[in-house]
Amino acid sequence: MVVESFAVIQGRLGFPAVRAFLEDIVPNPRVEWVDEDTHRAASAALLAADRRGLSLVDLCSFETMRRLGIRSVFTFDRHFRQYGFETVP
């Protein structure tokens, strides 16, 4: 989440917004960092899927969410539903 958010904010709103995001938003939610095992599993899933449009970031999220027992997510990304998660909205 942090990496994708950082990229979107920087591209659309510029560096002052990035600074505000890093100082005001990032410290508040719990951030689950991707470890080596999660990255390896997500990379293998990406290669197995063999299709465009599915990102390593999404697959890392799926792996992390499964590990933590998270079943629902606030997102507009259709891939979460396709991979079995309940999406809101």
PDB file of N, CA and C in Angstrom:
ATOM      1  N   MET A   1       0.817  -1.181   0.000  1.00  0.00           N
ATOM      2  CA  MET A   1       0.000   0.000   0.000  1.00  0.00           C
ATOM      3  C   MET A   1       0.866   1.252   0.000  1.00  0.00           C
ATOM      4  N   VAL A   2       1.862   1.291   0.818  1.00  0.00           N
ATOM      5  CA  VAL A   2       2.691   2.480   0.941  1.00  0.00           C
ATOM      6  C   VAL A   2       3.399   2.794  -0.369  1.00  0.00           C
ATOM      7  N   VAL A   3       3.953   1.776  -1.020  1.00  0.00           N
ATOM      8  CA  VAL A   3       4.712   1.991  -2.251  1.00  0.00           C
ATOM      9  C   VAL A   3       3.808   2.507  -3.359  1.00  0.00           C
ATOM     10  N   GLU A   4       2.659   1.866  -3.566  1.00  0.00           N
ATOM     11  CA  GLU A   4       1.753   2.323  -4.619  1.00  0.00           C
ATOM     12  C   GLU A   4       1.201   3.706  -4.302  1.00  0.00           C
ATOM     13  N   SER A   5       0.826   3.940  -3.050  1.00  0.00           N
ATOM     14  CA  SER A   5       0.305   5.253  -2.662  1.00  0.00           C
ATOM     15  C   SER A   5       1.341   6.338  -2.878  1.00  0.00           C
ATOM     16  N   PHE A   6       2.564   6.053  -2.481  1.00  0.00           N
ATOM     17  CA  PHE A   6       3.658   7.005  -2.658  1.00  0.00           C
ATOM     18  C   PHE A   6       3.791   7.381  -4.136  1.00  0.00           C
ATOM     19  N   ALA A   7       3.778   6.393  -5.019  1.00  0.00           N
ATOM     20  CA  ALA A   7       3.940   6.641  -6.450  1.00  0.00           C
ATOM     21  C   ALA A   7       2.792   7.477  -7.016  1.00  0.00           C
ATOM     22  N   VAL A   8       1.568   7.147  -6.635  1.00  0.00           N
ATOM     23  CA  VAL A   8       0.406   7.892  -7.136  1.00  0.00           C
ATOM     24  C   VAL A   8       0.431   9.328  -6.625  1.00  0.00           C
ATOM     25  N   ILE A   9       0.682   9.503  -5.349  1.00  0.00           N
ATOM     26  CA  ILE A   9       0.714  10.849  -4.763  1.00  0.00           C
ATOM     27  C   ILE A   9       1.811  11.689  -5.393  1.00  0.00           C
ATOM     28  N   GLN A  10       2.988  11.122  -5.538  1.00  0.00           N
ATOM     29  CA  GLN A  10       4.102  11.863  -6.136  1.00  0.00           C
ATOM     30  C   GLN A  10       3.778  12.272  -7.568  1.00  0.00           C
ATOM     31  N   GLY A  11       3.214  11.352  -8.342  1.00  0.00           N
ATOM     32  CA  GLY A  11       2.906  11.631  -9.736  1.00  0.00           C
ATOM     33  C   GLY A  11       1.783  12.627  -9.928  1.00  0.00           C
ATOM     34  N   ARG A  12       0.781  12.563  -9.071  1.00  0.00           N
ATOM     35  CA  ARG A  12      -0.407  13.410  -9.250  1.00  0.00           C
ATOM     36  C   ARG A  12      -0.377  14.706  -8.452  1.00  0.00           C
ATOM     37  N   LEU A  13       0.255  14.685  -7.275  1.00  0.00           N
ATOM     38  CA  LEU A  13       0.158  15.831  -6.381  1.00  0.00           C
ATOM     39  C   LEU A  13       1.489  16.493  -6.059  1.00  0.00           C
ATOM     40  N   GLY A  14       2.587  15.811  -6.322  1.00  0.00           N
ATOM     41  CA  GLY A  14       3.893  16.412  -6.083  1.00  0.00           C
ATOM     42  C   GLY A  14       4.486  16.103  -4.724  1.00  0.00           C
ATOM     43  N   PHE A  15       5.694  16.628  -4.538  1.00  0.00           N
ATOM     44  CA  PHE A  15       6.471  16.296  -3.355  1.00  0.00           C
ATOM     45  C   PHE A  15       5.881  16.797  -2.036  1.00  0.00           C
ATOM     46  N   PRO A  16       5.270  17.995  -1.973  1.00  0.00           N
ATOM     47  CA  PRO A  16       4.671  18.409  -0.695  1.00  0.00           C
ATOM     48  C   PRO A  16       3.614  17.419  -0.194  1.00  0.00           C
ATOM     49  N   ALA A  17       2.845  16.855  -1.114  1.00  0.00           N
ATOM     50  CA  ALA A  17       1.839  15.864  -0.724  1.00  0.00           C
ATOM     51  C   ALA A  17       2.500  14.568  -0.262  1.00  0.00           C
ATOM     52  N   VAL A  18       3.617  14.205  -0.896  1.00  0.00           N
ATOM     53  CA  VAL A  18       4.373  13.023  -0.466  1.00  0.00           C
ATOM     54  C   VAL A  18       4.853  13.212   0.963  1.00  0.00           C
ATOM     55  N   ARG A  19       5.395  14.383   1.255  1.00  0.00           N
ATOM     56  CA  ARG A  19       5.870  14.674   2.612  1.00  0.00           C
ATOM     57  C   ARG A  19       4.730  14.558   3.625  1.00  0.00           C
ATOM     58  N   ALA A  20       3.572  15.135   3.302  1.00  0.00           N
ATOM     59  CA  ALA A  20       2.420  15.058   4.203  1.00  0.00           C
ATOM     60  C   ALA A  20       1.983  13.609   4.392  1.00  0.00           C
ATOM     61  N   PHE A  21       1.972  12.837   3.322  1.00  0.00           N
ATOM     62  CA  PHE A  21       1.608  11.430   3.397  1.00  0.00           C
ATOM     63  C   PHE A  21       2.550  10.668   4.325  1.00  0.00           C
ATOM     64  N   LEU A  22       3.845  10.873   4.124  1.00  0.00           N
ATOM     65  CA  LEU A  22       4.842  10.157   4.926  1.00  0.00           C
ATOM     66  C   LEU A  22       4.832  10.585   6.392  1.00  0.00           C
ATOM     67  N   GLU A  23       4.558  11.862   6.645  1.00  0.00           N
ATOM     68  CA  GLU A  23       4.580  12.358   8.024  1.00  0.00           C
ATOM     69  C   GLU A  23       3.258  12.158   8.759  1.00  0.00           C
ATOM     70  N   ASP A  24       2.130  12.289   8.031  1.00  0.00           N
ATOM     71  CA  ASP A  24       0.830  12.295   8.694  1.00  0.00           C
ATOM     72  C   ASP A  24       0.029  10.999   8.559  1.00  0.00           C
ATOM     73  N   ILE A  25       0.207  10.295   7.468  1.00  0.00           N
ATOM     74  CA  ILE A  25      -0.613   9.113   7.214  1.00  0.00           C
ATOM     75  C   ILE A  25       0.136   7.815   7.524  1.00  0.00           C
ATOM     76  N   VAL A  26       1.315   7.657   6.995  1.00  0.00           N
ATOM     77  CA  VAL A  26       2.055   6.397   7.139  1.00  0.00           C
ATOM     78  C   VAL A  26       2.259   5.988   8.595  1.00  0.00           C
ATOM     79  N   PRO A  27       2.562   6.894   9.504  1.00  0.00           N
ATOM     80  CA  PRO A  27       2.786   6.447  10.891  1.00  0.00           C
ATOM     81  C   PRO A  27       1.536   5.925  11.605  1.00  0.00           C
ATOM     82  N   ASN A  28       0.352   6.226  11.102  1.00  0.00           N
ATOM     83  CA  ASN A  28      -0.870   5.883  11.823  1.00  0.00           C
ATOM     84  C   ASN A  28      -1.371   4.463  11.636  1.00  0.00           C
ATOM     85  N   PRO A  29      -1.564   3.983  10.415  1.00  0.00           N
ATOM     86  CA  PRO A  29      -2.026   2.598  10.311  1.00  0.00           C
ATOM     87  C   PRO A  29      -0.888   1.614  10.578  1.00  0.00           C
ATOM     88  N   ARG A  30      -1.270   0.402  10.863  1.00  0.00           N
ATOM     89  CA  ARG A  30      -0.260  -0.643  11.019  1.00  0.00           C
ATOM     90  C   ARG A  30       0.243  -1.020   9.628  1.00  0.00           C
ATOM     91  N   VAL A  31       1.531  -0.955   9.431  1.00  0.00           N
ATOM     92  CA  VAL A  31       2.134  -1.315   8.150  1.00  0.00           C
ATOM     93  C   VAL A  31       2.723  -2.712   8.301  1.00  0.00           C
ATOM     94  N   GLU A  32       2.342  -3.594   7.412  1.00  0.00           N
ATOM     95  CA  GLU A  32       2.859  -4.960   7.404  1.00  0.00           C
ATOM     96  C   GLU A  32       3.887  -5.030   6.284  1.00  0.00           C
ATOM     97  N   TRP A  33       5.155  -5.101   6.641  1.00  0.00           N
ATOM     98  CA  TRP A  33       6.227  -5.108   5.655  1.00  0.00           C
ATOM     99  C   TRP A  33       6.328  -6.481   5.006  1.00  0.00           C
ATOM    100  N   VAL A  34       6.633  -6.502   3.748  1.00  0.00           N
ATOM    101  CA  VAL A  34       6.755  -7.746   2.999  1.00  0.00           C
ATOM    102  C   VAL A  34       8.094  -8.396   3.337  1.00  0.00           C
ATOM    103  N   ASP A  35       8.017  -9.636   3.817  1.00  0.00           N
ATOM    104  CA  ASP A  35       9.247 -10.363   4.128  1.00  0.00           C
ATOM    105  C   ASP A  35       9.663 -11.212   2.916  1.00  0.00           C
ATOM    106  N   GLU A  36      10.794 -11.859   3.046  1.00  0.00           N
ATOM    107  CA  GLU A  36      11.351 -12.633   1.935  1.00  0.00           C
ATOM    108  C   GLU A  36      10.426 -13.771   1.499  1.00  0.00           C
ATOM    109  N   ASP A  37       9.821 -14.483   2.441  1.00  0.00           N
ATOM    110  CA  ASP A  37       8.938 -15.602   2.105  1.00  0.00           C
ATOM    111  C   ASP A  37       7.702 -15.118   1.346  1.00  0.00           C
ATOM    112  N   THR A  38       7.119 -14.012   1.798  1.00  0.00           N
ATOM    113  CA  THR A  38       5.948 -13.455   1.119  1.00  0.00           C
ATOM    114  C   THR A  38       6.323 -13.006  -0.288  1.00  0.00           C
ATOM    115  N   HIS A  39       7.451 -12.338  -0.418  1.00  0.00           N
ATOM    116  CA  HIS A  39       7.905 -11.876  -1.731  1.00  0.00           C
ATOM    117  C   HIS A  39       8.142 -13.065  -2.665  1.00  0.00           C
ATOM    118  N   ARG A  40       8.747 -14.118  -2.149  1.00  0.00           N
ATOM    119  CA  ARG A  40       9.014 -15.308  -2.959  1.00  0.00           C
ATOM    120  C   ARG A  40       7.706 -15.950  -3.426  1.00  0.00           C
ATOM    121  N   ALA A  41       6.747 -16.101  -2.524  1.00  0.00           N
ATOM    122  CA  ALA A  41       5.457 -16.709  -2.873  1.00  0.00           C
ATOM    123  C   ALA A  41       4.704 -15.856  -3.893  1.00  0.00           C
ATOM    124  N   ALA A  42       4.722 -14.549  -3.705  1.00  0.00           N
ATOM    125  CA  ALA A  42       4.038 -13.652  -4.636  1.00  0.00           C
ATOM    126  C   ALA A  42       4.710 -13.667  -6.008  1.00  0.00           C
ATOM    127  N   SER A  43       6.029 -13.722  -6.036  1.00  0.00           N
ATOM    128  CA  SER A  43       6.757 -13.789  -7.304  1.00  0.00           C
ATOM    129  C   SER A  43       6.416 -15.074  -8.054  1.00  0.00           C
ATOM    130  N   ALA A  44       6.344 -16.183  -7.332  1.00  0.00           N
ATOM    131  CA  ALA A  44       5.981 -17.460  -7.952  1.00  0.00           C
ATOM    132  C   ALA A  44       4.552 -17.403  -8.493  1.00  0.00           C
ATOM    133  N   ALA A  45       3.646 -16.781  -7.749  1.00  0.00           N
ATOM    134  CA  ALA A  45       2.258 -16.651  -8.199  1.00  0.00           C
ATOM    135  C   ALA A  45       2.169 -15.776  -9.447  1.00  0.00           C
ATOM    136  N   LEU A  46       2.999 -14.739  -9.508  1.00  0.00           N
ATOM    137  CA  LEU A  46       3.008 -13.860 -10.681  1.00  0.00           C
ATOM    138  C   LEU A  46       3.456 -14.632 -11.916  1.00  0.00           C
ATOM    139  N   LEU A  47       4.512 -15.418 -11.772  1.00  0.00           N
ATOM    140  CA  LEU A  47       4.995 -16.219 -12.894  1.00  0.00           C
ATOM    141  C   LEU A  47       3.964 -17.274 -13.303  1.00  0.00           C
ATOM    142  N   ALA A  48       3.302 -17.878 -12.328  1.00  0.00           N
ATOM    143  CA  ALA A  48       2.298 -18.900 -12.615  1.00  0.00           C
ATOM    144  C   ALA A  48       1.079 -18.297 -13.317  1.00  0.00           C
ATOM    145  N   ALA A  49       0.705 -17.074 -12.940  1.00  0.00           N
ATOM    146  CA  ALA A  49      -0.460 -16.423 -13.547  1.00  0.00           C
ATOM    147  C   ALA A  49      -0.203 -16.089 -15.012  1.00  0.00           C
ATOM    148  N   ASP A  50       1.035 -15.699 -15.332  1.00  0.00           N
ATOM    149  CA  ASP A  50       1.453 -15.459 -16.710  1.00  0.00           C
ATOM    150  C   ASP A  50       0.489 -14.562 -17.476  1.00  0.00           C
ATOM    151  N   ARG A  51       0.159 -13.406 -16.863  1.00  0.00           N
ATOM    152  CA  ARG A  51      -0.725 -12.475 -17.562  1.00  0.00           C
ATOM    153  C   ARG A  51      -0.415 -11.038 -17.171  1.00  0.00           C
ATOM    154  N   ARG A  52      -0.735 -10.151 -18.071  1.00  0.00           N
ATOM    155  CA  ARG A  52      -0.532  -8.729 -17.823  1.00  0.00           C
ATOM    156  C   ARG A  52      -1.624  -8.190 -16.915  1.00  0.00           C
ATOM    157  N   GLY A  53      -1.339  -7.079 -16.278  1.00  0.00           N
ATOM    158  CA  GLY A  53      -2.338  -6.402 -15.471  1.00  0.00           C
ATOM    159  C   GLY A  53      -2.370  -6.828 -14.016  1.00  0.00           C
ATOM    160  N   LEU A  54      -1.809  -7.955 -13.709  1.00  0.00           N
ATOM    161  CA  LEU A  54      -1.735  -8.417 -12.330  1.00  0.00           C
ATOM    162  C   LEU A  54      -0.369  -8.028 -11.792  1.00  0.00           C
ATOM    163  N   SER A  55      -0.346  -7.324 -10.675  1.00  0.00           N
ATOM    164  CA  SER A  55       0.922  -6.794 -10.190  1.00  0.00           C
ATOM    165  C   SER A  55       1.501  -7.612  -9.039  1.00  0.00           C
ATOM    166  N   LEU A  56       2.807  -7.517  -8.913  1.00  0.00           N
ATOM    167  CA  LEU A  56       3.496  -8.144  -7.781  1.00  0.00           C
ATOM    168  C   LEU A  56       3.011  -7.526  -6.472  1.00  0.00           C
ATOM    169  N   VAL A  57       2.692  -6.252  -6.493  1.00  0.00           N
ATOM    170  CA  VAL A  57       2.178  -5.582  -5.291  1.00  0.00           C
ATOM    171  C   VAL A  57       0.865  -6.227  -4.858  1.00  0.00           C
ATOM    172  N   ASP A  58      -0.046  -6.454  -5.818  1.00  0.00           N
ATOM    173  CA  ASP A  58      -1.311  -7.111  -5.483  1.00  0.00           C
ATOM    174  C   ASP A  58      -1.068  -8.496  -4.901  1.00  0.00           C
ATOM    175  N   LEU A  59      -0.201  -9.256  -5.532  1.00  0.00           N
ATOM    176  CA  LEU A  59       0.053 -10.615  -5.079  1.00  0.00           C
ATOM    177  C   LEU A  59       0.713 -10.649  -3.703  1.00  0.00           C
ATOM    178  N   CYS A  60       1.572  -9.685  -3.415  1.00  0.00           N
ATOM    179  CA  CYS A  60       2.130  -9.563  -2.057  1.00  0.00           C
ATOM    180  C   CYS A  60       1.013  -9.252  -1.063  1.00  0.00           C
ATOM    181  N   SER A  61       0.090  -8.397  -1.470  1.00  0.00           N
ATOM    182  CA  SER A  61      -1.051  -8.074  -0.602  1.00  0.00           C
ATOM    183  C   SER A  61      -1.878  -9.314  -0.324  1.00  0.00           C
ATOM    184  N   PHE A  62      -2.165 -10.103  -1.376  1.00  0.00           N
ATOM    185  CA  PHE A  62      -2.960 -11.316  -1.195  1.00  0.00           C
ATOM    186  C   PHE A  62      -2.278 -12.275  -0.222  1.00  0.00           C
ATOM    187  N   GLU A  63      -0.989 -12.474  -0.404  1.00  0.00           N
ATOM    188  CA  GLU A  63      -0.237 -13.381   0.480  1.00  0.00           C
ATOM    189  C   GLU A  63      -0.272 -12.888   1.920  1.00  0.00           C
ATOM    190  N   THR A  64      -0.052 -11.608   2.111  1.00  0.00           N
ATOM    191  CA  THR A  64      -0.043 -11.019   3.452  1.00  0.00           C
ATOM    192  C   THR A  64      -1.417 -11.109   4.092  1.00  0.00           C
ATOM    193  N   MET A  65      -2.456 -10.799   3.326  1.00  0.00           N
ATOM    194  CA  MET A  65      -3.809 -10.855   3.860  1.00  0.00           C
ATOM    195  C   MET A  65      -4.190 -12.276   4.267  1.00  0.00           C
ATOM    196  N   ARG A  66      -3.824 -13.248   3.454  1.00  0.00           N
ATOM    197  CA  ARG A  66      -4.115 -14.644   3.813  1.00  0.00           C
ATOM    198  C   ARG A  66      -3.386 -15.032   5.091  1.00  0.00           C
ATOM    199  N   ARG A  67      -2.124 -14.638   5.191  1.00  0.00           N
ATOM    200  CA  ARG A  67      -1.322 -14.967   6.377  1.00  0.00           C
ATOM    201  C   ARG A  67      -1.935 -14.361   7.641  1.00  0.00           C
ATOM    202  N   LEU A  68      -2.494 -13.167   7.516  1.00  0.00           N
ATOM    203  CA  LEU A  68      -3.072 -12.463   8.664  1.00  0.00           C
ATOM    204  C   LEU A  68      -4.550 -12.781   8.887  1.00  0.00           C
ATOM    205  N   GLY A  69      -5.140 -13.569   7.985  1.00  0.00           N
ATOM    206  CA  GLY A  69      -6.553 -13.921   8.120  1.00  0.00           C
ATOM    207  C   GLY A  69      -7.502 -12.803   7.736  1.00  0.00           C
ATOM    208  N   ILE A  70      -7.067 -11.888   6.917  1.00  0.00           N
ATOM    209  CA  ILE A  70      -7.905 -10.768   6.469  1.00  0.00           C
ATOM    210  C   ILE A  70      -8.708 -11.231   5.263  1.00  0.00           C
ATOM    211  N   ARG A  71     -10.032 -11.093   5.328  1.00  0.00           N
ATOM    212  CA  ARG A  71     -10.908 -11.565   4.244  1.00  0.00           C
ATOM    213  C   ARG A  71     -11.553 -10.426   3.453  1.00  0.00           C
ATOM    214  N   SER A  72     -11.596  -9.211   3.999  1.00  0.00           N
ATOM    215  CA  SER A  72     -12.230  -8.107   3.273  1.00  0.00           C
ATOM    216  C   SER A  72     -11.262  -6.933   3.186  1.00  0.00           C
ATOM    217  N   VAL A  73     -11.438  -6.141   2.121  1.00  0.00           N
ATOM    218  CA  VAL A  73     -10.514  -5.050   1.845  1.00  0.00           C
ATOM    219  C   VAL A  73     -11.250  -3.894   1.178  1.00  0.00           C
ATOM    220  N   PHE A  74     -10.885  -2.675   1.541  1.00  0.00           N
ATOM    221  CA  PHE A  74     -11.393  -1.495   0.858  1.00  0.00           C
ATOM    222  C   PHE A  74     -10.515  -1.268  -0.362  1.00  0.00           C
ATOM    223  N   THR A  75     -11.097  -1.458  -1.537  1.00  0.00           N
ATOM    224  CA  THR A  75     -10.329  -1.300  -2.768  1.00  0.00           C
ATOM    225  C   THR A  75     -11.254  -1.141  -3.957  1.00  0.00           C
ATOM    226  N   PHE A  76     -10.727  -0.544  -5.000  1.00  0.00           N
ATOM    227  CA  PHE A  76     -11.420  -0.483  -6.279  1.00  0.00           C
ATOM    228  C   PHE A  76     -10.759  -1.432  -7.285  1.00  0.00           C
ATOM    229  N   ASP A  77      -9.803  -2.190  -6.837  1.00  0.00           N
ATOM    230  CA  ASP A  77      -9.042  -3.103  -7.676  1.00  0.00           C
ATOM    231  C   ASP A  77      -9.783  -4.433  -7.792  1.00  0.00           C
ATOM    232  N   ARG A  78     -10.207  -4.784  -8.997  1.00  0.00           N
ATOM    233  CA  ARG A  78     -11.003  -5.993  -9.222  1.00  0.00           C
ATOM    234  C   ARG A  78     -10.248  -7.279  -8.899  1.00  0.00           C
ATOM    235  N   HIS A  79      -8.938  -7.238  -8.893  1.00  0.00           N
ATOM    236  CA  HIS A  79      -8.151  -8.445  -8.648  1.00  0.00           C
ATOM    237  C   HIS A  79      -8.399  -9.037  -7.258  1.00  0.00           C
ATOM    238  N   PHE A  80      -8.694  -8.205  -6.285  1.00  0.00           N
ATOM    239  CA  PHE A  80      -8.928  -8.716  -4.938  1.00  0.00           C
ATOM    240  C   PHE A  80     -10.144  -9.637  -4.911  1.00  0.00           C
ATOM    241  N   ARG A  81     -11.208  -9.229  -5.602  1.00  0.00           N
ATOM    242  CA  ARG A  81     -12.411 -10.077  -5.678  1.00  0.00           C
ATOM    243  C   ARG A  81     -12.098 -11.349  -6.470  1.00  0.00           C
ATOM    244  N   GLN A  82     -11.356 -11.207  -7.562  1.00  0.00           N
ATOM    245  CA  GLN A  82     -11.003 -12.360  -8.373  1.00  0.00           C
ATOM    246  C   GLN A  82     -10.188 -13.393  -7.589  1.00  0.00           C
ATOM    247  N   TYR A  83      -9.443 -12.919  -6.601  1.00  0.00           N
ATOM    248  CA  TYR A  83      -8.628 -13.827  -5.792  1.00  0.00           C
ATOM    249  C   TYR A  83      -9.299 -14.222  -4.467  1.00  0.00           C
ATOM    250  N   GLY A  84     -10.607 -13.997  -4.402  1.00  0.00           N
ATOM    251  CA  GLY A  84     -11.384 -14.548  -3.293  1.00  0.00           C
ATOM    252  C   GLY A  84     -11.617 -13.655  -2.090  1.00  0.00           C
ATOM    253  N   PHE A  85     -11.280 -12.373  -2.198  1.00  0.00           N
ATOM    254  CA  PHE A  85     -11.496 -11.471  -1.071  1.00  0.00           C
ATOM    255  C   PHE A  85     -12.809 -10.701  -1.239  1.00  0.00           C
ATOM    256  N   GLU A  86     -13.418 -10.372  -0.120  1.00  0.00           N
ATOM    257  CA  GLU A  86     -14.599  -9.514  -0.128  1.00  0.00           C
ATOM    258  C   GLU A  86     -14.110  -8.079  -0.279  1.00  0.00           C
ATOM    259  N   THR A  87     -14.681  -7.350  -1.220  1.00  0.00           N
ATOM    260  CA  THR A  87     -14.228  -5.979  -1.439  1.00  0.00           C
ATOM    261  C   THR A  87     -15.310  -4.977  -1.017  1.00  0.00           C
ATOM    262  N   VAL A  88     -14.846  -3.869  -0.498  1.00  0.00           N
ATOM    263  CA  VAL A  88     -15.693  -2.751  -0.106  1.00  0.00           C
ATOM    264  C   VAL A  88     -15.124  -1.521  -0.806  1.00  0.00           C
ATOM    265  N   PRO A  89     -15.825  -0.734  -1.530  1.00  0.00           N
ATOM    266  CA  PRO A  89     -17.265  -0.854  -1.759  1.00  0.00           C
ATOM    267  C   PRO A  89     -17.615  -1.919  -2.744  1.00  0.00           C
TER     268      PRO A  89
END
